[in-house]
Amino acid sequence: MCDTMCPVCLFVIGLIIVIYLLVWVYVKSTRRHCTSDVDLTGKTVIVTGGNNGLGYVAAREIASRNARVILACRNAEKAKAAVEKIISETGKKNVVFMKLDVSSLKSVREFAKQFLKEESRLDILINNAGIITNDAKLTEDGLQVTYATNHFGPFLLTNLLLGRLKASAPSRVVTLSSLGHHLGKIHFENFKKPMLFEGSLTYASTKLASILFTYELAKRVKGEGVTAYSVHPGLCSSNLFDSYHPIIQWILLNINPFTKTIEEGAQTTIYCAIEKGIEEHSGKYFDNLRPGWANSKGYDAGVAKKLWEVSENLTKLA
């Protein structure tokens, strides 16, 4: 029995390996890179969470194109080190750090006040900072921590800086979403409750909120020179998975053929921030440097409008 089964087992194992390698080669070969050589001299760009991961790569690439780049980060030590590293790697010195904890509405307001006082223009805002966590807690503002970081903070920041974006038109807002948004659902009653379900589902819901926010923002600023895009970077080897069990992290980031490097994952963010001629796609969800497949829930006009209004109330904009 073993003698007859072993060749079959070996064949099946070999077939699985061949299929895996073919999928890996195909996925790698279809990944696209932003090749824009646009000169961003005179432009000012904010990258939240720009001290590491996807945000760092986006900040570095934009700085290399001569923009003034502001790393808006919570950890001053790490951010200052990132500033020095970008300057060293690009030879461009117009990179600075400004403190921002996007999960805190107070910090967002303080950052916006400082920025508007010190900077005369804002051409690109990249809402990159985000978390995925199983930590069930509320922020100092009484908001569920994942929603506070991934949606309410970026929502408030964008609105507080919207006047400067309009004054600097043409300008752009790029907000990080995720393919995981397909698993998300907006539960308005959960915004001010500790996490009621598994952390990755909460994360998925916040990334659906990012698409809805971008969709509604694009409608509200249409004709004013500001365009907005949500982006899926792909499954990347970033610090987002730090809260996962080490074994799960290893499987996700080493065996999965769809896993991207940080460099690969940042390409769509960079593309939506600087590529010319994509204005007609304002409000859309991008994946692999082109409009992607977003769940129809992300373009529900009624939900998008309600989310905007609820967000105004919870962030005390209204």
C-alpha atoms as a PDB file:
ATOM      1  CA  MET A   1       0.000   0.000   0.000  1.00  0.00           C
ATOM      2  CA  CYS A   2       2.782   2.424   0.980  1.00  0.00           C
ATOM      3  CA  ASP A   3       4.758   1.512  -2.140  1.00  0.00           C
ATOM      4  CA  THR A   4       1.835   2.455  -4.383  1.00  0.00           C
ATOM      5  CA  MET A   5       0.867   5.565  -2.457  1.00  0.00           C
ATOM      6  CA  CYS A   6       4.296   7.166  -2.163  1.00  0.00           C
ATOM      7  CA  PRO A   7       4.692   7.943  -5.882  1.00  0.00           C
ATOM      8  CA  VAL A   8       1.191   9.428  -5.900  1.00  0.00           C
ATOM      9  CA  CYS A   9       1.976  11.530  -2.837  1.00  0.00           C
ATOM     10  CA  LEU A  10       5.214  12.720  -4.377  1.00  0.00           C
ATOM     11  CA  PHE A  11       3.402  13.604  -7.595  1.00  0.00           C
ATOM     12  CA  VAL A  12       0.757  15.611  -5.712  1.00  0.00           C
ATOM     13  CA  ILE A  13       3.389  17.418  -3.640  1.00  0.00           C
ATOM     14  CA  GLY A  14       5.390  18.170  -6.769  1.00  0.00           C
ATOM     15  CA  LEU A  15       2.291  19.445  -8.557  1.00  0.00           C
ATOM     16  CA  ILE A  16       1.454  21.738  -5.636  1.00  0.00           C
ATOM     17  CA  ILE A  17       4.993  23.130  -5.658  1.00  0.00           C
ATOM     18  CA  VAL A  18       4.877  23.721  -9.428  1.00  0.00           C
ATOM     19  CA  ILE A  19       1.498  25.479  -9.178  1.00  0.00           C
ATOM     20  CA  TYR A  20       2.764  27.598  -6.294  1.00  0.00           C
ATOM     21  CA  LEU A  21       5.854  28.630  -8.258  1.00  0.00           C
ATOM     22  CA  LEU A  22       3.797  29.443 -11.360  1.00  0.00           C
ATOM     23  CA  VAL A  23       1.428  31.591  -9.296  1.00  0.00           C
ATOM     24  CA  TRP A  24       4.394  33.301  -7.628  1.00  0.00           C
ATOM     25  CA  VAL A  25       6.068  34.066 -10.965  1.00  0.00           C
ATOM     26  CA  TYR A  26       2.791  35.330 -12.462  1.00  0.00           C
ATOM     27  CA  VAL A  27       1.994  37.584  -9.513  1.00  0.00           C
ATOM     28  CA  LYS A  28       5.526  39.001  -9.475  1.00  0.00           C
ATOM     29  CA  SER A  29       5.490  39.634 -13.230  1.00  0.00           C
ATOM     30  CA  THR A  30       2.196  41.552 -13.134  1.00  0.00           C
ATOM     31  CA  ARG A  31       3.188  43.957 -10.361  1.00  0.00           C
ATOM     32  CA  ARG A  32       3.518  47.486 -11.615  1.00  0.00           C
ATOM     33  CA  HIS A  33       5.830  50.283 -10.525  1.00  0.00           C
ATOM     34  CA  CYS A  34       5.334  54.031 -10.622  1.00  0.00           C
ATOM     35  CA  THR A  35       7.779  55.374 -13.198  1.00  0.00           C
ATOM     36  CA  SER A  36       6.683  59.009 -13.132  1.00  0.00           C
ATOM     37  CA  ASP A  37       9.598  61.419 -13.344  1.00  0.00           C
ATOM     38  CA  VAL A  38       7.490  64.430 -12.349  1.00  0.00           C
ATOM     39  CA  ASP A  39       9.435  67.256 -10.696  1.00  0.00           C
ATOM     40  CA  LEU A  40       7.742  68.274  -7.433  1.00  0.00           C
ATOM     41  CA  THR A  41       9.870  71.347  -6.775  1.00  0.00           C
ATOM     42  CA  GLY A  42       7.833  73.875  -4.801  1.00  0.00           C
ATOM     43  CA  LYS A  43       5.270  71.281  -3.674  1.00  0.00           C
ATOM     44  CA  THR A  44       4.558  70.426  -0.030  1.00  0.00           C
ATOM     45  CA  VAL A  45       3.525  66.918   0.966  1.00  0.00           C
ATOM     46  CA  ILE A  46       2.355  65.444   4.287  1.00  0.00           C
ATOM     47  CA  VAL A  47       2.788  61.718   4.913  1.00  0.00           C
ATOM     48  CA  THR A  48       1.221  60.464   8.135  1.00  0.00           C
ATOM     49  CA  GLY A  49       3.074  57.540   9.669  1.00  0.00           C
ATOM     50  CA  GLY A  50       5.974  58.249   7.340  1.00  0.00           C
ATOM     51  CA  ASN A  51       8.707  57.003   9.654  1.00  0.00           C
ATOM     52  CA  ASN A  52       8.520  53.358   8.550  1.00  0.00           C
ATOM     53  CA  GLY A  53       6.983  50.863   6.166  1.00  0.00           C
ATOM     54  CA  LEU A  54       4.825  52.017   3.284  1.00  0.00           C
ATOM     55  CA  GLY A  55       4.791  55.609   4.493  1.00  0.00           C
ATOM     56  CA  TYR A  56       8.565  55.765   4.634  1.00  0.00           C
ATOM     57  CA  VAL A  57       8.979  54.518   1.065  1.00  0.00           C
ATOM     58  CA  ALA A  58       6.328  56.944  -0.207  1.00  0.00           C
ATOM     59  CA  ALA A  59       7.967  59.839   1.646  1.00  0.00           C
ATOM     60  CA  ARG A  60      11.409  58.917   0.342  1.00  0.00           C
ATOM     61  CA  GLU A  61      10.283  58.609  -3.278  1.00  0.00           C
ATOM     62  CA  ILE A  62       8.377  61.886  -3.157  1.00  0.00           C
ATOM     63  CA  ALA A  63      11.319  63.652  -1.510  1.00  0.00           C
ATOM     64  CA  SER A  64      13.582  62.313  -4.266  1.00  0.00           C
ATOM     65  CA  ARG A  65      11.407  64.247  -6.717  1.00  0.00           C
ATOM     66  CA  ASN A  66      12.239  67.531  -4.940  1.00  0.00           C
ATOM     67  CA  ALA A  67       9.088  68.021  -2.847  1.00  0.00           C
ATOM     68  CA  ARG A  68       9.098  69.396   0.680  1.00  0.00           C
ATOM     69  CA  VAL A  69       8.033  66.378   2.729  1.00  0.00           C
ATOM     70  CA  ILE A  70       6.616  66.487   6.237  1.00  0.00           C
ATOM     71  CA  LEU A  71       6.664  63.252   8.210  1.00  0.00           C
ATOM     72  CA  ALA A  72       3.653  63.476  10.515  1.00  0.00           C
ATOM     73  CA  CYS A  73       4.383  60.841  13.152  1.00  0.00           C
ATOM     74  CA  ARG A  74       3.717  59.931  16.768  1.00  0.00           C
ATOM     75  CA  ASN A  75       7.203  58.753  17.725  1.00  0.00           C
ATOM     76  CA  ALA A  76       9.623  61.683  17.522  1.00  0.00           C
ATOM     77  CA  GLU A  77      12.778  59.586  17.869  1.00  0.00           C
ATOM     78  CA  LYS A  78      11.854  57.210  15.044  1.00  0.00           C
ATOM     79  CA  ALA A  79      10.596  60.041  12.849  1.00  0.00           C
ATOM     80  CA  LYS A  80      13.773  62.083  13.236  1.00  0.00           C
ATOM     81  CA  ALA A  81      15.828  59.005  12.374  1.00  0.00           C
ATOM     82  CA  ALA A  82      13.647  58.502   9.288  1.00  0.00           C
ATOM     83  CA  VAL A  83      14.189  62.121   8.250  1.00  0.00           C
ATOM     84  CA  GLU A  84      17.957  61.666   8.444  1.00  0.00           C
ATOM     85  CA  LYS A  85      17.756  58.396   6.531  1.00  0.00           C
ATOM     86  CA  ILE A  86      15.693  59.938   3.722  1.00  0.00           C
ATOM     87  CA  ILE A  87      18.124  62.842   3.453  1.00  0.00           C
ATOM     88  CA  SER A  88      21.017  60.380   3.336  1.00  0.00           C
ATOM     89  CA  GLU A  89      19.393  58.165   0.704  1.00  0.00           C
ATOM     90  CA  THR A  90      18.103  60.925  -1.578  1.00  0.00           C
ATOM     91  CA  GLY A  91      20.457  63.824  -0.994  1.00  0.00           C
ATOM     92  CA  LYS A  92      17.351  66.001  -0.588  1.00  0.00           C
ATOM     93  CA  LYS A  93      17.282  68.060   2.601  1.00  0.00           C
ATOM     94  CA  ASN A  94      13.754  69.465   2.468  1.00  0.00           C
ATOM     95  CA  VAL A  95      12.351  66.778   4.786  1.00  0.00           C
ATOM     96  CA  VAL A  96      11.068  67.582   8.279  1.00  0.00           C
ATOM     97  CA  PHE A  97       9.200  66.000  11.178  1.00  0.00           C
ATOM     98  CA  MET A  98       6.038  67.306  12.829  1.00  0.00           C
ATOM     99  CA  LYS A  99       4.444  65.463  15.742  1.00  0.00           C
ATOM    100  CA  LEU A 100       1.065  63.850  15.125  1.00  0.00           C
ATOM    101  CA  ASP A 101      -0.818  61.063  16.873  1.00  0.00           C
ATOM    102  CA  VAL A 102      -3.608  60.469  14.396  1.00  0.00           C
ATOM    103  CA  SER A 103      -5.637  58.494  16.975  1.00  0.00           C
ATOM    104  CA  SER A 104      -5.973  61.621  19.132  1.00  0.00           C
ATOM    105  CA  LEU A 105      -8.313  64.377  17.955  1.00  0.00           C
ATOM    106  CA  LYS A 106      -6.441  66.836  20.172  1.00  0.00           C
ATOM    107  CA  SER A 107      -3.154  65.922  18.520  1.00  0.00           C
ATOM    108  CA  VAL A 108      -4.716  66.222  15.060  1.00  0.00           C
ATOM    109  CA  ARG A 109      -5.949  69.728  15.877  1.00  0.00           C
ATOM    110  CA  GLU A 110      -2.575  70.760  17.294  1.00  0.00           C
ATOM    111  CA  PHE A 111      -0.787  69.431  14.229  1.00  0.00           C
ATOM    112  CA  ALA A 112      -3.150  71.213  11.838  1.00  0.00           C
ATOM    113  CA  LYS A 113      -2.768  74.476  13.755  1.00  0.00           C
ATOM    114  CA  GLN A 114       1.023  74.248  13.648  1.00  0.00           C
ATOM    115  CA  PHE A 115       1.076  73.267   9.986  1.00  0.00           C
ATOM    116  CA  LEU A 116      -1.228  76.089   8.891  1.00  0.00           C
ATOM    117  CA  LYS A 117       0.889  78.553  10.853  1.00  0.00           C
ATOM    118  CA  GLU A 118       4.240  77.392   9.464  1.00  0.00           C
ATOM    119  CA  GLU A 119       3.490  76.173   5.931  1.00  0.00           C
ATOM    120  CA  SER A 120       2.085  78.288   3.115  1.00  0.00           C
ATOM    121  CA  ARG A 121       0.796  75.459   0.922  1.00  0.00           C
ATOM    122  CA  LEU A 122      -0.269  71.818   0.855  1.00  0.00           C
ATOM    123  CA  ASP A 123      -0.225  69.966  -2.442  1.00  0.00           C
ATOM    124  CA  ILE A 124      -0.522  66.340  -1.377  1.00  0.00           C
ATOM    125  CA  LEU A 125      -1.885  64.798   1.822  1.00  0.00           C
ATOM    126  CA  ILE A 126      -1.200  61.085   2.254  1.00  0.00           C
ATOM    127  CA  ASN A 127      -3.294  59.514   5.023  1.00  0.00           C
ATOM    128  CA  ASN A 128      -1.011  56.521   5.500  1.00  0.00           C
ATOM    129  CA  ALA A 129      -0.936  55.904   9.274  1.00  0.00           C
ATOM    130  CA  GLY A 130      -3.048  52.990  10.435  1.00  0.00           C
ATOM    131  CA  ILE A 131      -3.297  50.077  12.854  1.00  0.00           C
ATOM    132  CA  ILE A 132      -4.721  46.586  13.106  1.00  0.00           C
ATOM    133  CA  THR A 133      -5.088  45.386  16.667  1.00  0.00           C
ATOM    134  CA  ASN A 134      -7.006  43.039  18.929  1.00  0.00           C
ATOM    135  CA  ASP A 135      -6.754  45.578  21.744  1.00  0.00           C
ATOM    136  CA  ALA A 136     -10.311  46.322  22.855  1.00  0.00           C
ATOM    137  CA  LYS A 137     -10.204  49.889  24.107  1.00  0.00           C
ATOM    138  CA  LEU A 138     -11.437  53.414  23.562  1.00  0.00           C
ATOM    139  CA  THR A 139      -9.284  56.472  22.952  1.00  0.00           C
ATOM    140  CA  GLU A 140      -9.236  59.598  25.121  1.00  0.00           C
ATOM    141  CA  ASP A 141     -12.002  60.901  22.829  1.00  0.00           C
ATOM    142  CA  GLY A 142     -14.213  57.901  23.595  1.00  0.00           C
ATOM    143  CA  LEU A 143     -13.774  56.406  20.120  1.00  0.00           C
ATOM    144  CA  GLN A 144     -12.968  52.799  19.261  1.00  0.00           C
ATOM    145  CA  VAL A 145      -9.184  52.844  18.792  1.00  0.00           C
ATOM    146  CA  THR A 146      -9.011  51.252  15.337  1.00  0.00           C
ATOM    147  CA  TYR A 147     -11.687  53.574  13.979  1.00  0.00           C
ATOM    148  CA  ALA A 148     -10.032  56.562  15.649  1.00  0.00           C
ATOM    149  CA  THR A 149      -6.695  55.815  14.007  1.00  0.00           C
ATOM    150  CA  ASN A 150      -7.827  54.606  10.594  1.00  0.00           C
ATOM    151  CA  HIS A 151     -10.835  56.834   9.979  1.00  0.00           C
ATOM    152  CA  PHE A 152     -11.702  59.621  12.405  1.00  0.00           C
ATOM    153  CA  GLY A 153      -8.163  60.999  12.679  1.00  0.00           C
ATOM    154  CA  PRO A 154      -7.631  61.136   8.898  1.00  0.00           C
ATOM    155  CA  PHE A 155     -11.150  62.534   8.431  1.00  0.00           C
ATOM    156  CA  LEU A 156     -10.529  65.389  10.866  1.00  0.00           C
ATOM    157  CA  LEU A 157      -7.031  66.075   9.561  1.00  0.00           C
ATOM    158  CA  THR A 158      -8.196  66.258   5.957  1.00  0.00           C
ATOM    159  CA  ASN A 159     -11.036  68.611   6.799  1.00  0.00           C
ATOM    160  CA  LEU A 160      -8.859  70.917   8.901  1.00  0.00           C
ATOM    161  CA  LEU A 161      -6.374  71.173   6.024  1.00  0.00           C
ATOM    162  CA  LEU A 162      -8.939  71.288   3.221  1.00  0.00           C
ATOM    163  CA  GLY A 163      -8.795  75.063   2.905  1.00  0.00           C
ATOM    164  CA  ARG A 164      -5.043  74.946   2.335  1.00  0.00           C
ATOM    165  CA  LEU A 165      -5.451  72.103  -0.158  1.00  0.00           C
ATOM    166  CA  LYS A 166      -7.972  74.173  -2.111  1.00  0.00           C
ATOM    167  CA  ALA A 167      -5.717  77.227  -2.013  1.00  0.00           C
ATOM    168  CA  SER A 168      -2.847  75.113  -3.382  1.00  0.00           C
ATOM    169  CA  ALA A 169      -4.897  73.477  -6.164  1.00  0.00           C
ATOM    170  CA  PRO A 170      -4.423  71.286  -8.036  1.00  0.00           C
ATOM    171  CA  SER A 171      -3.918  69.124  -4.971  1.00  0.00           C
ATOM    172  CA  ARG A 172      -4.583  65.564  -3.868  1.00  0.00           C
ATOM    173  CA  VAL A 173      -5.647  63.474  -0.889  1.00  0.00           C
ATOM    174  CA  VAL A 174      -4.534  59.833  -0.865  1.00  0.00           C
ATOM    175  CA  THR A 175      -5.965  57.560   1.829  1.00  0.00           C
ATOM    176  CA  LEU A 176      -4.814  54.006   2.522  1.00  0.00           C
ATOM    177  CA  SER A 177      -7.499  51.348   2.262  1.00  0.00           C
ATOM    178  CA  SER A 178      -7.207  47.580   1.807  1.00  0.00           C
ATOM    179  CA  LEU A 179      -8.611  44.689  -0.195  1.00  0.00           C
ATOM    180  CA  GLY A 180      -9.872  43.567   3.197  1.00  0.00           C
ATOM    181  CA  HIS A 181     -12.593  46.211   2.946  1.00  0.00           C
ATOM    182  CA  HIS A 182     -14.697  43.548   1.190  1.00  0.00           C
ATOM    183  CA  LEU A 183     -15.142  41.923   4.615  1.00  0.00           C
ATOM    184  CA  GLY A 184     -16.103  45.192   6.273  1.00  0.00           C
ATOM    185  CA  LYS A 185     -19.423  46.671   7.266  1.00  0.00           C
ATOM    186  CA  ILE A 186     -20.169  50.067   8.752  1.00  0.00           C
ATOM    187  CA  HIS A 187     -21.774  49.640  12.174  1.00  0.00           C
ATOM    188  CA  PHE A 188     -22.446  53.222  13.216  1.00  0.00           C
ATOM    189  CA  GLU A 189     -23.332  52.106  16.734  1.00  0.00           C
ATOM    190  CA  ASN A 190     -19.853  50.605  17.250  1.00  0.00           C
ATOM    191  CA  PHE A 191     -17.810  53.779  16.802  1.00  0.00           C
ATOM    192  CA  LYS A 192     -17.890  54.550  20.529  1.00  0.00           C
ATOM    193  CA  LYS A 193     -17.829  50.997  21.875  1.00  0.00           C
ATOM    194  CA  PRO A 194     -14.849  48.791  22.730  1.00  0.00           C
ATOM    195  CA  MET A 195     -14.202  46.285  19.966  1.00  0.00           C
ATOM    196  CA  LEU A 196     -17.043  43.792  19.832  1.00  0.00           C
ATOM    197  CA  PHE A 197     -15.506  41.382  17.355  1.00  0.00           C
ATOM    198  CA  GLU A 198     -12.181  40.135  16.007  1.00  0.00           C
ATOM    199  CA  GLY A 199      -9.644  42.849  15.266  1.00  0.00           C
ATOM    200  CA  SER A 200      -9.145  42.088  11.579  1.00  0.00           C
ATOM    201  CA  LEU A 201     -12.872  42.545  10.934  1.00  0.00           C
ATOM    202  CA  THR A 202     -12.787  45.922  12.659  1.00  0.00           C
ATOM    203  CA  TYR A 203      -9.787  46.803  10.514  1.00  0.00           C
ATOM    204  CA  ALA A 204     -11.695  45.732   7.389  1.00  0.00           C
ATOM    205  CA  SER A 205     -14.588  47.983   8.366  1.00  0.00           C
ATOM    206  CA  THR A 206     -12.295  50.978   8.831  1.00  0.00           C
ATOM    207  CA  LYS A 207     -10.830  50.360   5.380  1.00  0.00           C
ATOM    208  CA  LEU A 208     -14.346  50.319   3.943  1.00  0.00           C
ATOM    209  CA  ALA A 209     -14.796  53.650   5.724  1.00  0.00           C
ATOM    210  CA  SER A 210     -11.676  54.920   3.918  1.00  0.00           C
ATOM    211  CA  ILE A 211     -13.282  54.184   0.550  1.00  0.00           C
ATOM    212  CA  LEU A 212     -16.574  55.792   1.571  1.00  0.00           C
ATOM    213  CA  PHE A 213     -14.724  58.841   2.919  1.00  0.00           C
ATOM    214  CA  THR A 214     -12.745  59.222  -0.309  1.00  0.00           C
ATOM    215  CA  TYR A 215     -15.870  58.814  -2.427  1.00  0.00           C
ATOM    216  CA  GLU A 216     -17.786  61.461  -0.469  1.00  0.00           C
ATOM    217  CA  LEU A 217     -14.796  63.822  -0.281  1.00  0.00           C
ATOM    218  CA  ALA A 218     -14.365  63.717  -4.058  1.00  0.00           C
ATOM    219  CA  LYS A 219     -18.025  64.671  -4.505  1.00  0.00           C
ATOM    220  CA  ARG A 220     -17.818  67.538  -2.032  1.00  0.00           C
ATOM    221  CA  VAL A 221     -14.693  69.128  -3.550  1.00  0.00           C
ATOM    222  CA  LYS A 222     -15.504  68.486  -7.203  1.00  0.00           C
ATOM    223  CA  GLY A 223     -14.587  71.498  -9.319  1.00  0.00           C
ATOM    224  CA  GLU A 224     -12.371  73.023  -6.610  1.00  0.00           C
ATOM    225  CA  GLY A 225      -9.079  71.556  -7.790  1.00  0.00           C
ATOM    226  CA  VAL A 226      -8.793  68.849  -5.127  1.00  0.00           C
ATOM    227  CA  THR A 227      -8.926  65.172  -6.071  1.00  0.00           C
ATOM    228  CA  ALA A 228      -9.059  62.148  -3.774  1.00  0.00           C
ATOM    229  CA  TYR A 229      -8.056  58.511  -4.092  1.00  0.00           C
ATOM    230  CA  SER A 230      -8.148  55.458  -1.823  1.00  0.00           C
ATOM    231  CA  VAL A 231      -5.495  52.802  -2.383  1.00  0.00           C
ATOM    232  CA  HIS A 232      -4.892  49.130  -1.665  1.00  0.00           C
ATOM    233  CA  PRO A 233      -1.158  48.585  -1.148  1.00  0.00           C
ATOM    234  CA  GLY A 234      -1.405  44.807  -1.093  1.00  0.00           C
ATOM    235  CA  LEU A 235      -0.428  42.370   1.635  1.00  0.00           C
ATOM    236  CA  CYS A 236       2.943  43.746   2.689  1.00  0.00           C
ATOM    237  CA  SER A 237       5.654  42.820   5.150  1.00  0.00           C
ATOM    238  CA  SER A 238       4.916  45.883   7.246  1.00  0.00           C
ATOM    239  CA  ASN A 239       4.589  46.485  10.970  1.00  0.00           C
ATOM    240  CA  LEU A 240       0.792  46.297  10.703  1.00  0.00           C
ATOM    241  CA  PHE A 241       1.055  42.601  11.600  1.00  0.00           C
ATOM    242  CA  ASP A 242       3.144  43.108  14.733  1.00  0.00           C
ATOM    243  CA  SER A 243       0.185  42.193  16.946  1.00  0.00           C
ATOM    244  CA  TYR A 244      -0.269  38.818  15.206  1.00  0.00           C
ATOM    245  CA  HIS A 245       1.188  35.558  16.505  1.00  0.00           C
ATOM    246  CA  PRO A 246       4.731  35.068  15.095  1.00  0.00           C
ATOM    247  CA  ILE A 247       3.688  31.888  13.260  1.00  0.00           C
ATOM    248  CA  ILE A 248       0.785  33.683  11.551  1.00  0.00           C
ATOM    249  CA  GLN A 249       3.106  36.551  10.639  1.00  0.00           C
ATOM    250  CA  TRP A 250       5.599  34.136   9.091  1.00  0.00           C
ATOM    251  CA  ILE A 251       2.936  32.354   7.025  1.00  0.00           C
ATOM    252  CA  LEU A 252       1.399  35.605   5.779  1.00  0.00           C
ATOM    253  CA  LEU A 253       4.682  37.228   4.886  1.00  0.00           C
ATOM    254  CA  ASN A 254       6.795  34.318   3.634  1.00  0.00           C
ATOM    255  CA  ILE A 255       4.622  31.574   2.162  1.00  0.00           C
ATOM    256  CA  ASN A 256       1.812  33.644   0.653  1.00  0.00           C
ATOM    257  CA  PRO A 257       2.717  34.300  -3.026  1.00  0.00           C
ATOM    258  CA  PHE A 258       0.639  37.472  -2.970  1.00  0.00           C
ATOM    259  CA  THR A 259       2.778  39.124  -0.294  1.00  0.00           C
ATOM    260  CA  LYS A 260       4.535  42.267  -1.516  1.00  0.00           C
ATOM    261  CA  THR A 261       7.706  43.902  -0.351  1.00  0.00           C
ATOM    262  CA  ILE A 262       7.365  47.344   1.213  1.00  0.00           C
ATOM    263  CA  GLU A 263       8.832  48.853  -1.961  1.00  0.00           C
ATOM    264  CA  GLU A 264       6.205  47.113  -4.096  1.00  0.00           C
ATOM    265  CA  GLY A 265       3.366  47.930  -1.727  1.00  0.00           C
ATOM    266  CA  ALA A 266       4.068  51.667  -1.735  1.00  0.00           C
ATOM    267  CA  GLN A 267       3.860  52.007  -5.512  1.00  0.00           C
ATOM    268  CA  THR A 268       0.112  52.648  -5.778  1.00  0.00           C
ATOM    269  CA  THR A 269       0.262  55.300  -3.058  1.00  0.00           C
ATOM    270  CA  ILE A 270       3.105  57.046  -4.880  1.00  0.00           C
ATOM    271  CA  TYR A 271       1.251  56.729  -8.186  1.00  0.00           C
ATOM    272  CA  CYS A 272      -1.965  58.295  -6.878  1.00  0.00           C
ATOM    273  CA  ALA A 273       0.023  61.082  -5.231  1.00  0.00           C
ATOM    274  CA  ILE A 274       2.053  62.189  -8.260  1.00  0.00           C
ATOM    275  CA  GLU A 275       0.895  60.609 -11.530  1.00  0.00           C
ATOM    276  CA  LYS A 276      -0.480  63.069 -14.067  1.00  0.00           C
ATOM    277  CA  GLY A 277      -3.787  62.529 -15.832  1.00  0.00           C
ATOM    278  CA  ILE A 278      -5.709  60.501 -13.245  1.00  0.00           C
ATOM    279  CA  GLU A 279      -7.988  63.322 -12.112  1.00  0.00           C
ATOM    280  CA  GLU A 280     -11.004  61.799 -13.875  1.00  0.00           C
ATOM    281  CA  HIS A 281     -10.768  58.902 -11.416  1.00  0.00           C
ATOM    282  CA  SER A 282     -11.146  61.089  -8.328  1.00  0.00           C
ATOM    283  CA  GLY A 283     -13.102  59.269  -5.640  1.00  0.00           C
ATOM    284  CA  LYS A 284     -12.048  55.850  -6.890  1.00  0.00           C
ATOM    285  CA  TYR A 285     -10.262  52.936  -5.223  1.00  0.00           C
ATOM    286  CA  PHE A 286      -6.882  52.058  -6.753  1.00  0.00           C
ATOM    287  CA  ASP A 287      -5.025  48.750  -6.791  1.00  0.00           C
ATOM    288  CA  ASN A 288      -1.770  47.996  -8.631  1.00  0.00           C
ATOM    289  CA  LEU A 289      -1.595  51.505 -10.142  1.00  0.00           C
ATOM    290  CA  ARG A 290      -5.080  51.498 -11.671  1.00  0.00           C
ATOM    291  CA  PRO A 291      -8.721  51.721 -10.604  1.00  0.00           C
ATOM    292  CA  GLY A 292      -9.429  48.508  -8.751  1.00  0.00           C
ATOM    293  CA  TRP A 293     -12.319  46.290  -7.749  1.00  0.00           C
ATOM    294  CA  ALA A 294     -14.051  47.945  -4.836  1.00  0.00           C
ATOM    295  CA  ASN A 295     -17.059  46.449  -3.131  1.00  0.00           C
ATOM    296  CA  SER A 296     -20.262  48.243  -4.108  1.00  0.00           C
ATOM    297  CA  LYS A 297     -20.665  49.078  -0.400  1.00  0.00           C
ATOM    298  CA  GLY A 298     -17.804  51.536  -0.861  1.00  0.00           C
ATOM    299  CA  TYR A 299     -19.820  53.592  -3.329  1.00  0.00           C
ATOM    300  CA  ASP A 300     -23.130  53.638  -1.455  1.00  0.00           C
ATOM    301  CA  ALA A 301     -24.038  57.332  -1.616  1.00  0.00           C
ATOM    302  CA  GLY A 302     -26.414  57.167   1.334  1.00  0.00           C
ATOM    303  CA  VAL A 303     -23.958  55.421   3.638  1.00  0.00           C
ATOM    304  CA  ALA A 304     -21.110  57.702   2.508  1.00  0.00           C
ATOM    305  CA  LYS A 305     -23.154  60.808   3.306  1.00  0.00           C
ATOM    306  CA  LYS A 306     -24.251  59.453   6.692  1.00  0.00           C
ATOM    307  CA  LEU A 307     -20.682  58.419   7.566  1.00  0.00           C
ATOM    308  CA  TRP A 308     -19.479  61.929   6.736  1.00  0.00           C
ATOM    309  CA  GLU A 309     -22.150  63.557   8.897  1.00  0.00           C
ATOM    310  CA  VAL A 310     -21.615  61.165  11.816  1.00  0.00           C
ATOM    311  CA  SER A 311     -17.869  61.734  11.540  1.00  0.00           C
ATOM    312  CA  GLU A 312     -18.402  65.499  11.630  1.00  0.00           C
ATOM    313  CA  ASN A 313     -20.350  65.127  14.864  1.00  0.00           C
ATOM    314  CA  LEU A 314     -17.939  62.712  16.547  1.00  0.00           C
ATOM    315  CA  THR A 315     -14.889  64.820  15.655  1.00  0.00           C
ATOM    316  CA  LYS A 316     -16.781  68.000  16.604  1.00  0.00           C
ATOM    317  CA  LEU A 317     -16.447  69.547  13.164  1.00  0.00           C
ATOM    318  CA  ALA A 318     -20.192  70.084  12.852  1.00  0.00           C
END
